[in-house]
Amino acid sequence: MQAIIQRFDAAGCSSDELVRAGRRLANVLDHVHGFMSCVIVRAQGGGLATVTLFEEPAGVRAAQGLSGTSLVEHLPGLIGPAEVTTGEVVFQRGL
């Protein structure tokens, strides 16, 4: 299993806006072979992160090449990702 993690420094978006943006993001990712899951996390300090899981590295590569796979593209007021990490999931329990 492979993951893309995007961290954003500032997230002045309402929960409703995040839910709508998450649904639009998931609709784009649904078309990527091997897409498994997308989670949006709002940090207590005001930051925001997405964790997207794929079955294989090819899914990560395909998602990175697609327009619409960043939360920034779905939330106009959000500043670009401060950090993007991709890699192999080495442990998971649940979900």
PDB file of N, CA and C in Angstrom:
ATOM      1  N   MET A   1       0.852  -1.168   0.000  1.00  0.00           N
ATOM      2  CA  MET A   1       0.000   0.000   0.000  1.00  0.00           C
ATOM      3  C   MET A   1       0.900   1.234   0.000  1.00  0.00           C
ATOM      4  N   GLN A   2       0.438   2.277  -0.695  1.00  0.00           N
ATOM      5  CA  GLN A   2       1.185   3.516  -0.845  1.00  0.00           C
ATOM      6  C   GLN A   2       0.353   4.693  -0.351  1.00  0.00           C
ATOM      7  N   ALA A   3       1.019   5.773   0.062  1.00  0.00           N
ATOM      8  CA  ALA A   3       0.301   6.933   0.592  1.00  0.00           C
ATOM      9  C   ALA A   3       0.858   8.230   0.029  1.00  0.00           C
ATOM     10  N   ILE A   4      -0.030   9.220  -0.072  1.00  0.00           N
ATOM     11  CA  ILE A   4       0.352  10.610  -0.314  1.00  0.00           C
ATOM     12  C   ILE A   4      -0.166  11.392   0.885  1.00  0.00           C
ATOM     13  N   ILE A   5       0.716  12.132   1.531  1.00  0.00           N
ATOM     14  CA  ILE A   5       0.330  12.987   2.658  1.00  0.00           C
ATOM     15  C   ILE A   5       0.626  14.424   2.267  1.00  0.00           C
ATOM     16  N   GLN A   6      -0.380  15.279   2.351  1.00  0.00           N
ATOM     17  CA  GLN A   6      -0.210  16.701   2.061  1.00  0.00           C
ATOM     18  C   GLN A   6      -0.504  17.478   3.332  1.00  0.00           C
ATOM     19  N   ARG A   7       0.439  18.346   3.735  1.00  0.00           N
ATOM     20  CA  ARG A   7       0.248  19.175   4.935  1.00  0.00           C
ATOM     21  C   ARG A   7       0.145  20.628   4.525  1.00  0.00           C
ATOM     22  N   PHE A   8      -0.838  21.314   5.084  1.00  0.00           N
ATOM     23  CA  PHE A   8      -1.068  22.725   4.817  1.00  0.00           C
ATOM     24  C   PHE A   8      -0.869  23.497   6.106  1.00  0.00           C
ATOM     25  N   ASP A   9      -0.204  24.639   6.044  1.00  0.00           N
ATOM     26  CA  ASP A   9       0.056  25.447   7.228  1.00  0.00           C
ATOM     27  C   ASP A   9      -1.196  26.137   7.763  1.00  0.00           C
ATOM     28  N   ALA A  10      -2.014  26.681   6.884  1.00  0.00           N
ATOM     29  CA  ALA A  10      -3.181  27.450   7.314  1.00  0.00           C
ATOM     30  C   ALA A  10      -4.436  26.857   6.712  1.00  0.00           C
ATOM     31  N   ALA A  11      -5.480  26.818   7.493  1.00  0.00           N
ATOM     32  CA  ALA A  11      -6.740  26.269   7.000  1.00  0.00           C
ATOM     33  C   ALA A  11      -7.897  27.069   7.578  1.00  0.00           C
ATOM     34  N   GLY A  12      -8.211  28.205   6.980  1.00  0.00           N
ATOM     35  CA  GLY A  12      -9.313  29.032   7.445  1.00  0.00           C
ATOM     36  C   GLY A  12     -10.603  28.658   6.763  1.00  0.00           C
ATOM     37  N   CYS A  13     -10.897  27.383   6.702  1.00  0.00           N
ATOM     38  CA  CYS A  13     -12.087  26.880   6.009  1.00  0.00           C
ATOM     39  C   CYS A  13     -13.046  26.284   7.027  1.00  0.00           C
ATOM     40  N   SER A  14     -14.323  26.411   6.745  1.00  0.00           N
ATOM     41  CA  SER A  14     -15.325  25.810   7.627  1.00  0.00           C
ATOM     42  C   SER A  14     -15.354  24.300   7.406  1.00  0.00           C
ATOM     43  N   SER A  15     -15.929  23.598   8.358  1.00  0.00           N
ATOM     44  CA  SER A  15     -16.067  22.146   8.225  1.00  0.00           C
ATOM     45  C   SER A  15     -16.908  21.785   7.014  1.00  0.00           C
ATOM     46  N   ASP A  16     -17.962  22.551   6.743  1.00  0.00           N
ATOM     47  CA  ASP A  16     -18.799  22.288   5.566  1.00  0.00           C
ATOM     48  C   ASP A  16     -18.004  22.428   4.278  1.00  0.00           C
ATOM     49  N   GLU A  17     -17.161  23.466   4.195  1.00  0.00           N
ATOM     50  CA  GLU A  17     -16.323  23.646   3.009  1.00  0.00           C
ATOM     51  C   GLU A  17     -15.351  22.485   2.842  1.00  0.00           C
ATOM     52  N   LEU A  18     -14.785  22.009   3.944  1.00  0.00           N
ATOM     53  CA  LEU A  18     -13.857  20.886   3.887  1.00  0.00           C
ATOM     54  C   LEU A  18     -14.549  19.613   3.433  1.00  0.00           C
ATOM     55  N   VAL A  19     -15.770  19.381   3.906  1.00  0.00           N
ATOM     56  CA  VAL A  19     -16.519  18.197   3.492  1.00  0.00           C
ATOM     57  C   VAL A  19     -16.807  18.252   1.994  1.00  0.00           C
ATOM     58  N   ARG A  20     -17.264  19.416   1.499  1.00  0.00           N
ATOM     59  CA  ARG A  20     -17.544  19.551   0.064  1.00  0.00           C
ATOM     60  C   ARG A  20     -16.275  19.354  -0.764  1.00  0.00           C
ATOM     61  N   ALA A  21     -15.179  19.964  -0.323  1.00  0.00           N
ATOM     62  CA  ALA A  21     -13.915  19.822  -1.040  1.00  0.00           C
ATOM     63  C   ALA A  21     -13.431  18.372  -1.002  1.00  0.00           C
ATOM     64  N   GLY A  22     -13.601  17.715   0.137  1.00  0.00           N
ATOM     65  CA  GLY A  22     -13.217  16.310   0.260  1.00  0.00           C
ATOM     66  C   GLY A  22     -14.009  15.422  -0.681  1.00  0.00           C
ATOM     67  N   ARG A  23     -15.285  15.691  -0.817  1.00  0.00           N
ATOM     68  CA  ARG A  23     -16.115  14.903  -1.748  1.00  0.00           C
ATOM     69  C   ARG A  23     -15.663  15.109  -3.189  1.00  0.00           C
ATOM     70  N   ARG A  24     -15.355  16.365  -3.556  1.00  0.00           N
ATOM     71  CA  ARG A  24     -14.883  16.631  -4.921  1.00  0.00           C
ATOM     72  C   ARG A  24     -13.535  15.943  -5.160  1.00  0.00           C
ATOM     73  N   LEU A  25     -12.652  16.018  -4.172  1.00  0.00           N
ATOM     74  CA  LEU A  25     -11.356  15.362  -4.279  1.00  0.00           C
ATOM     75  C   LEU A  25     -11.528  13.850  -4.442  1.00  0.00           C
ATOM     76  N   ALA A  26     -12.375  13.249  -3.632  1.00  0.00           N
ATOM     77  CA  ALA A  26     -12.615  11.807  -3.713  1.00  0.00           C
ATOM     78  C   ALA A  26     -13.220  11.420  -5.061  1.00  0.00           C
ATOM     79  N   ASN A  27     -14.076  12.265  -5.616  1.00  0.00           N
ATOM     80  CA  ASN A  27     -14.652  11.974  -6.932  1.00  0.00           C
ATOM     81  C   ASN A  27     -13.579  11.925  -8.009  1.00  0.00           C
ATOM     82  N   VAL A  28     -12.584  12.801  -7.914  1.00  0.00           N
ATOM     83  CA  VAL A  28     -11.465  12.767  -8.869  1.00  0.00           C
ATOM     84  C   VAL A  28     -10.653  11.491  -8.651  1.00  0.00           C
ATOM     85  N   LEU A  29     -10.341  11.190  -7.390  1.00  0.00           N
ATOM     86  CA  LEU A  29      -9.496  10.038  -7.075  1.00  0.00           C
ATOM     87  C   LEU A  29     -10.185   8.706  -7.356  1.00  0.00           C
ATOM     88  N   ASP A  30     -11.506   8.677  -7.346  1.00  0.00           N
ATOM     89  CA  ASP A  30     -12.245   7.445  -7.665  1.00  0.00           C
ATOM     90  C   ASP A  30     -11.872   6.896  -9.032  1.00  0.00           C
ATOM     91  N   HIS A  31     -11.366   7.749  -9.916  1.00  0.00           N
ATOM     92  CA  HIS A  31     -11.014   7.328 -11.270  1.00  0.00           C
ATOM     93  C   HIS A  31      -9.573   6.837 -11.380  1.00  0.00           C
ATOM     94  N   VAL A  32      -8.832   6.880 -10.283  1.00  0.00           N
ATOM     95  CA  VAL A  32      -7.450   6.403 -10.273  1.00  0.00           C
ATOM     96  C   VAL A  32      -7.453   4.936  -9.859  1.00  0.00           C
ATOM     97  N   HIS A  33      -6.872   4.097 -10.702  1.00  0.00           N
ATOM     98  CA  HIS A  33      -6.812   2.662 -10.404  1.00  0.00           C
ATOM     99  C   HIS A  33      -6.063   2.431  -9.091  1.00  0.00           C
ATOM    100  N   GLY A  34      -6.657   1.686  -8.198  1.00  0.00           N
ATOM    101  CA  GLY A  34      -6.018   1.355  -6.931  1.00  0.00           C
ATOM    102  C   GLY A  34      -6.283   2.329  -5.798  1.00  0.00           C
ATOM    103  N   PHE A  35      -7.107   3.376  -6.068  1.00  0.00           N
ATOM    104  CA  PHE A  35      -7.447   4.319  -4.999  1.00  0.00           C
ATOM    105  C   PHE A  35      -8.203   3.580  -3.910  1.00  0.00           C
ATOM    106  N   MET A  36      -7.811   3.813  -2.653  1.00  0.00           N
ATOM    107  CA  MET A  36      -8.440   3.122  -1.529  1.00  0.00           C
ATOM    108  C   MET A  36      -9.176   4.073  -0.590  1.00  0.00           C
ATOM    109  N   SER A  37      -8.528   5.176  -0.210  1.00  0.00           N
ATOM    110  CA  SER A  37      -9.102   6.007   0.844  1.00  0.00           C
ATOM    111  C   SER A  37      -8.493   7.401   0.821  1.00  0.00           C
ATOM    112  N   CYS A  38      -9.294   8.374   1.251  1.00  0.00           N
ATOM    113  CA  CYS A  38      -8.804   9.747   1.407  1.00  0.00           C
ATOM    114  C   CYS A  38      -9.368  10.287   2.722  1.00  0.00           C
ATOM    115  N   VAL A  39      -8.498  10.833   3.549  1.00  0.00           N
ATOM    116  CA  VAL A  39      -8.883  11.368   4.852  1.00  0.00           C
ATOM    117  C   VAL A  39      -8.387  12.805   4.942  1.00  0.00           C
ATOM    118  N   ILE A  40      -9.234  13.710   5.443  1.00  0.00           N
ATOM    119  CA  ILE A  40      -8.836  15.091   5.696  1.00  0.00           C
ATOM    120  C   ILE A  40      -8.819  15.280   7.206  1.00  0.00           C
ATOM    121  N   VAL A  41      -7.696  15.812   7.714  1.00  0.00           N
ATOM    122  CA  VAL A  41      -7.515  15.999   9.154  1.00  0.00           C
ATOM    123  C   VAL A  41      -7.286  17.483   9.431  1.00  0.00           C
ATOM    124  N   ARG A  42      -8.087  18.044  10.329  1.00  0.00           N
ATOM    125  CA  ARG A  42      -7.869  19.426  10.763  1.00  0.00           C
ATOM    126  C   ARG A  42      -7.135  19.371  12.102  1.00  0.00           C
ATOM    127  N   ALA A  43      -5.933  19.946  12.126  1.00  0.00           N
ATOM    128  CA  ALA A  43      -5.128  19.946  13.341  1.00  0.00           C
ATOM    129  C   ALA A  43      -5.652  20.998  14.311  1.00  0.00           C
ATOM    130  N   GLN A  44      -5.486  20.771  15.583  1.00  0.00           N
ATOM    131  CA  GLN A  44      -5.946  21.715  16.596  1.00  0.00           C
ATOM    132  C   GLN A  44      -5.270  23.068  16.465  1.00  0.00           C
ATOM    133  N   GLY A  45      -4.042  23.097  15.953  1.00  0.00           N
ATOM    134  CA  GLY A  45      -3.312  24.347  15.803  1.00  0.00           C
ATOM    135  C   GLY A  45      -3.689  25.123  14.550  1.00  0.00           C
ATOM    136  N   GLY A  46      -4.649  24.634  13.780  1.00  0.00           N
ATOM    137  CA  GLY A  46      -5.097  25.343  12.592  1.00  0.00           C
ATOM    138  C   GLY A  46      -4.575  24.787  11.298  1.00  0.00           C
ATOM    139  N   GLY A  47      -3.681  23.841  11.339  1.00  0.00           N
ATOM    140  CA  GLY A  47      -3.177  23.220  10.118  1.00  0.00           C
ATOM    141  C   GLY A  47      -4.174  22.223   9.552  1.00  0.00           C
ATOM    142  N   LEU A  48      -3.840  21.677   8.410  1.00  0.00           N
ATOM    143  CA  LEU A  48      -4.717  20.742   7.722  1.00  0.00           C
ATOM    144  C   LEU A  48      -3.852  19.721   7.009  1.00  0.00           C
ATOM    145  N   ALA A  49      -4.306  18.476   6.936  1.00  0.00           N
ATOM    146  CA  ALA A  49      -3.560  17.439   6.223  1.00  0.00           C
ATOM    147  C   ALA A  49      -4.531  16.522   5.502  1.00  0.00           C
ATOM    148  N   THR A  50      -4.067  15.969   4.381  1.00  0.00           N
ATOM    149  CA  THR A  50      -4.806  14.904   3.711  1.00  0.00           C
ATOM    150  C   THR A  50      -3.916  13.672   3.678  1.00  0.00           C
ATOM    151  N   VAL A  51      -4.519  12.515   3.860  1.00  0.00           N
ATOM    152  CA  VAL A  51      -3.828  11.239   3.740  1.00  0.00           C
ATOM    153  C   VAL A  51      -4.615  10.423   2.723  1.00  0.00           C
ATOM    154  N   THR A  52      -3.962  10.092   1.614  1.00  0.00           N
ATOM    155  CA  THR A  52      -4.623   9.365   0.538  1.00  0.00           C
ATOM    156  C   THR A  52      -3.889   8.053   0.328  1.00  0.00           C
ATOM    157  N   LEU A  53      -4.641   6.948   0.288  1.00  0.00           N
ATOM    158  CA  LEU A  53      -4.049   5.618   0.172  1.00  0.00           C
ATOM    159  C   LEU A  53      -4.373   4.980  -1.175  1.00  0.00           C
ATOM    160  N   PHE A  54      -3.373   4.274  -1.698  1.00  0.00           N
ATOM    161  CA  PHE A  54      -3.497   3.553  -2.962  1.00  0.00           C
ATOM    162  C   PHE A  54      -2.939   2.148  -2.784  1.00  0.00           C
ATOM    163  N   GLU A  55      -3.399   1.223  -3.617  1.00  0.00           N
ATOM    164  CA  GLU A  55      -2.926  -0.157  -3.531  1.00  0.00           C
ATOM    165  C   GLU A  55      -1.471  -0.289  -3.956  1.00  0.00           C
ATOM    166  N   GLU A  56      -1.058   0.479  -4.982  1.00  0.00           N
ATOM    167  CA  GLU A  56       0.272   0.306  -5.568  1.00  0.00           C
ATOM    168  C   GLU A  56       0.893   1.663  -5.900  1.00  0.00           C
ATOM    169  N   PRO A  57       2.222   1.692  -6.123  1.00  0.00           N
ATOM    170  CA  PRO A  57       2.887   2.945  -6.496  1.00  0.00           C
ATOM    171  C   PRO A  57       2.313   3.576  -7.765  1.00  0.00           C
ATOM    172  N   ALA A  58       1.818   2.774  -8.680  1.00  0.00           N
ATOM    173  CA  ALA A  58       1.249   3.313  -9.923  1.00  0.00           C
ATOM    174  C   ALA A  58       0.076   4.242  -9.625  1.00  0.00           C
ATOM    175  N   GLY A  59      -0.689   3.966  -8.592  1.00  0.00           N
ATOM    176  CA  GLY A  59      -1.805   4.827  -8.207  1.00  0.00           C
ATOM    177  C   GLY A  59      -1.322   6.186  -7.736  1.00  0.00           C
ATOM    178  N   VAL A  60      -0.232   6.202  -6.982  1.00  0.00           N
ATOM    179  CA  VAL A  60       0.348   7.463  -6.521  1.00  0.00           C
ATOM    180  C   VAL A  60       0.817   8.279  -7.718  1.00  0.00           C
ATOM    181  N   ARG A  61       1.537   7.620  -8.631  1.00  0.00           N
ATOM    182  CA  ARG A  61       2.038   8.327  -9.822  1.00  0.00           C
ATOM    183  C   ARG A  61       0.883   8.871 -10.647  1.00  0.00           C
ATOM    184  N   ALA A  62      -0.164   8.079 -10.829  1.00  0.00           N
ATOM    185  CA  ALA A  62      -1.320   8.520 -11.613  1.00  0.00           C
ATOM    186  C   ALA A  62      -2.012   9.704 -10.940  1.00  0.00           C
ATOM    187  N   ALA A  63      -2.175   9.636  -9.627  1.00  0.00           N
ATOM    188  CA  ALA A  63      -2.846  10.716  -8.893  1.00  0.00           C
ATOM    189  C   ALA A  63      -2.032  12.005  -8.968  1.00  0.00           C
ATOM    190  N   GLN A  64      -0.715  11.900  -8.854  1.00  0.00           N
ATOM    191  CA  GLN A  64       0.124  13.089  -8.907  1.00  0.00           C
ATOM    192  C   GLN A  64       0.068  13.763 -10.271  1.00  0.00           C
ATOM    193  N   GLY A  65      -0.233  13.013 -11.303  1.00  0.00           N
ATOM    194  CA  GLY A  65      -0.314  13.575 -12.643  1.00  0.00           C
ATOM    195  C   GLY A  65      -1.682  14.116 -12.999  1.00  0.00           C
ATOM    196  N   LEU A  66      -2.663  13.908 -12.136  1.00  0.00           N
ATOM    197  CA  LEU A  66      -4.036  14.340 -12.410  1.00  0.00           C
ATOM    198  C   LEU A  66      -4.316  15.727 -11.857  1.00  0.00           C
ATOM    199  N   SER A  67      -4.998  16.519 -12.619  1.00  0.00           N
ATOM    200  CA  SER A  67      -5.501  17.789 -12.103  1.00  0.00           C
ATOM    201  C   SER A  67      -6.627  17.482 -11.125  1.00  0.00           C
ATOM    202  N   GLY A  68      -6.716  18.229 -10.066  1.00  0.00           N
ATOM    203  CA  GLY A  68      -7.807  18.052  -9.108  1.00  0.00           C
ATOM    204  C   GLY A  68      -7.464  17.156  -7.941  1.00  0.00           C
ATOM    205  N   THR A  69      -6.203  16.714  -7.829  1.00  0.00           N
ATOM    206  CA  THR A  69      -5.860  15.805  -6.741  1.00  0.00           C
ATOM    207  C   THR A  69      -5.229  16.502  -5.537  1.00  0.00           C
ATOM    208  N   SER A  70      -5.263  17.807  -5.516  1.00  0.00           N
ATOM    209  CA  SER A  70      -4.798  18.554  -4.352  1.00  0.00           C
ATOM    210  C   SER A  70      -5.978  19.303  -3.753  1.00  0.00           C
ATOM    211  N   LEU A  71      -6.037  19.347  -2.450  1.00  0.00           N
ATOM    212  CA  LEU A  71      -7.122  20.053  -1.775  1.00  0.00           C
ATOM    213  C   LEU A  71      -7.135  21.529  -2.169  1.00  0.00           C
ATOM    214  N   VAL A  72      -5.962  22.085  -2.497  1.00  0.00           N
ATOM    215  CA  VAL A  72      -5.866  23.485  -2.910  1.00  0.00           C
ATOM    216  C   VAL A  72      -6.753  23.755  -4.127  1.00  0.00           C
ATOM    217  N   GLU A  73      -6.861  22.776  -5.017  1.00  0.00           N
ATOM    218  CA  GLU A  73      -7.661  22.946  -6.225  1.00  0.00           C
ATOM    219  C   GLU A  73      -9.161  22.965  -5.926  1.00  0.00           C
ATOM    220  N   HIS A  74      -9.539  22.526  -4.738  1.00  0.00           N
ATOM    221  CA  HIS A  74     -10.956  22.460  -4.365  1.00  0.00           C
ATOM    222  C   HIS A  74     -11.343  23.489  -3.313  1.00  0.00           C
ATOM    223  N   LEU A  75     -10.350  24.149  -2.730  1.00  0.00           N
ATOM    224  CA  LEU A  75     -10.582  25.199  -1.732  1.00  0.00           C
ATOM    225  C   LEU A  75      -9.798  26.437  -2.150  1.00  0.00           C
ATOM    226  N   PRO A  76     -10.422  27.345  -2.891  1.00  0.00           N
ATOM    227  CA  PRO A  76      -9.711  28.488  -3.455  1.00  0.00           C
ATOM    228  C   PRO A  76      -8.952  29.329  -2.441  1.00  0.00           C
ATOM    229  N   GLY A  77      -9.412  29.429  -1.193  1.00  0.00           N
ATOM    230  CA  GLY A  77      -8.748  30.271  -0.208  1.00  0.00           C
ATOM    231  C   GLY A  77      -7.564  29.613   0.475  1.00  0.00           C
ATOM    232  N   LEU A  78      -7.324  28.351   0.208  1.00  0.00           N
ATOM    233  CA  LEU A  78      -6.261  27.610   0.889  1.00  0.00           C
ATOM    234  C   LEU A  78      -4.927  27.824   0.180  1.00  0.00           C
ATOM    235  N   ILE A  79      -3.885  28.056   0.940  1.00  0.00           N
ATOM    236  CA  ILE A  79      -2.543  28.222   0.386  1.00  0.00           C
ATOM    237  C   ILE A  79      -1.973  26.835   0.116  1.00  0.00           C
ATOM    238  N   GLY A  80      -1.153  26.735  -0.912  1.00  0.00           N
ATOM    239  CA  GLY A  80      -0.591  25.455  -1.352  1.00  0.00           C
ATOM    240  C   GLY A  80       0.024  24.612  -0.251  1.00  0.00           C
ATOM    241  N   PRO A  81       0.230  23.325  -0.511  1.00  0.00           N
ATOM    242  CA  PRO A  81       0.773  22.436   0.512  1.00  0.00           C
ATOM    243  C   PRO A  81       2.173  22.846   0.946  1.00  0.00           C
ATOM    244  N   ALA A  82       2.365  22.895   2.239  1.00  0.00           N
ATOM    245  CA  ALA A  82       3.687  23.208   2.779  1.00  0.00           C
ATOM    246  C   ALA A  82       4.615  22.018   2.608  1.00  0.00           C
ATOM    247  N   GLU A  83       4.035  20.823   2.603  1.00  0.00           N
ATOM    248  CA  GLU A  83       4.850  19.613   2.538  1.00  0.00           C
ATOM    249  C   GLU A  83       4.046  18.502   1.896  1.00  0.00           C
ATOM    250  N   VAL A  84       4.664  17.770   0.966  1.00  0.00           N
ATOM    251  CA  VAL A  84       4.034  16.604   0.350  1.00  0.00           C
ATOM    252  C   VAL A  84       4.973  15.429   0.555  1.00  0.00           C
ATOM    253  N   THR A  85       4.446  14.347   1.101  1.00  0.00           N
ATOM    254  CA  THR A  85       5.226  13.136   1.335  1.00  0.00           C
ATOM    255  C   THR A  85       4.534  11.977   0.639  1.00  0.00           C
ATOM    256  N   THR A  86       5.296  11.171  -0.072  1.00  0.00           N
ATOM    257  CA  THR A  86       4.756   9.952  -0.664  1.00  0.00           C
ATOM    258  C   THR A  86       5.631   8.790  -0.222  1.00  0.00           C
ATOM    259  N   GLY A  87       5.036   7.624  -0.132  1.00  0.00           N
ATOM    260  CA  GLY A  87       5.840   6.468   0.228  1.00  0.00           C
ATOM    261  C   GLY A  87       5.000   5.249   0.555  1.00  0.00           C
ATOM    262  N   GLU A  88       5.706   4.208   0.927  1.00  0.00           N
ATOM    263  CA  GLU A  88       5.093   2.935   1.250  1.00  0.00           C
ATOM    264  C   GLU A  88       4.538   2.958   2.672  1.00  0.00           C
ATOM    265  N   VAL A  89       3.343   2.454   2.838  1.00  0.00           N
ATOM    266  CA  VAL A  89       2.759   2.286   4.162  1.00  0.00           C
ATOM    267  C   VAL A  89       3.385   1.017   4.748  1.00  0.00           C
ATOM    268  N   VAL A  90       4.081   1.159   5.875  1.00  0.00           N
ATOM    269  CA  VAL A  90       4.778   0.008   6.453  1.00  0.00           C
ATOM    270  C   VAL A  90       3.995  -0.640   7.586  1.00  0.00           C
ATOM    271  N   PHE A  91       2.984   0.058   8.094  1.00  0.00           N
ATOM    272  CA  PHE A  91       2.131  -0.529   9.129  1.00  0.00           C
ATOM    273  C   PHE A  91       0.776   0.138   9.089  1.00  0.00           C
ATOM    274  N   GLN A  92      -0.252  -0.674   9.263  1.00  0.00           N
ATOM    275  CA  GLN A  92      -1.619  -0.163   9.378  1.00  0.00           C
ATOM    276  C   GLN A  92      -2.415  -1.145  10.222  1.00  0.00           C
ATOM    277  N   ARG A  93      -3.267  -0.580  11.044  1.00  0.00           N
ATOM    278  CA  ARG A  93      -4.209  -1.419  11.803  1.00  0.00           C
ATOM    279  C   ARG A  93      -5.565  -0.763  11.673  1.00  0.00           C
ATOM    280  N   GLY A  94      -6.549  -1.490  11.231  1.00  0.00           N
ATOM    281  CA  GLY A  94      -7.890  -0.971  11.056  1.00  0.00           C
ATOM    282  C   GLY A  94      -8.050  -0.263   9.730  1.00  0.00           C
ATOM    283  N   LEU A  95      -9.250   0.327   9.581  1.00  0.00           N
ATOM    284  CA  LEU A  95      -9.645   1.026   8.365  1.00  0.00           C
ATOM    285  C   LEU A  95      -9.445   0.199   7.177  1.00  0.00           C
TER     286      LEU A  95
END
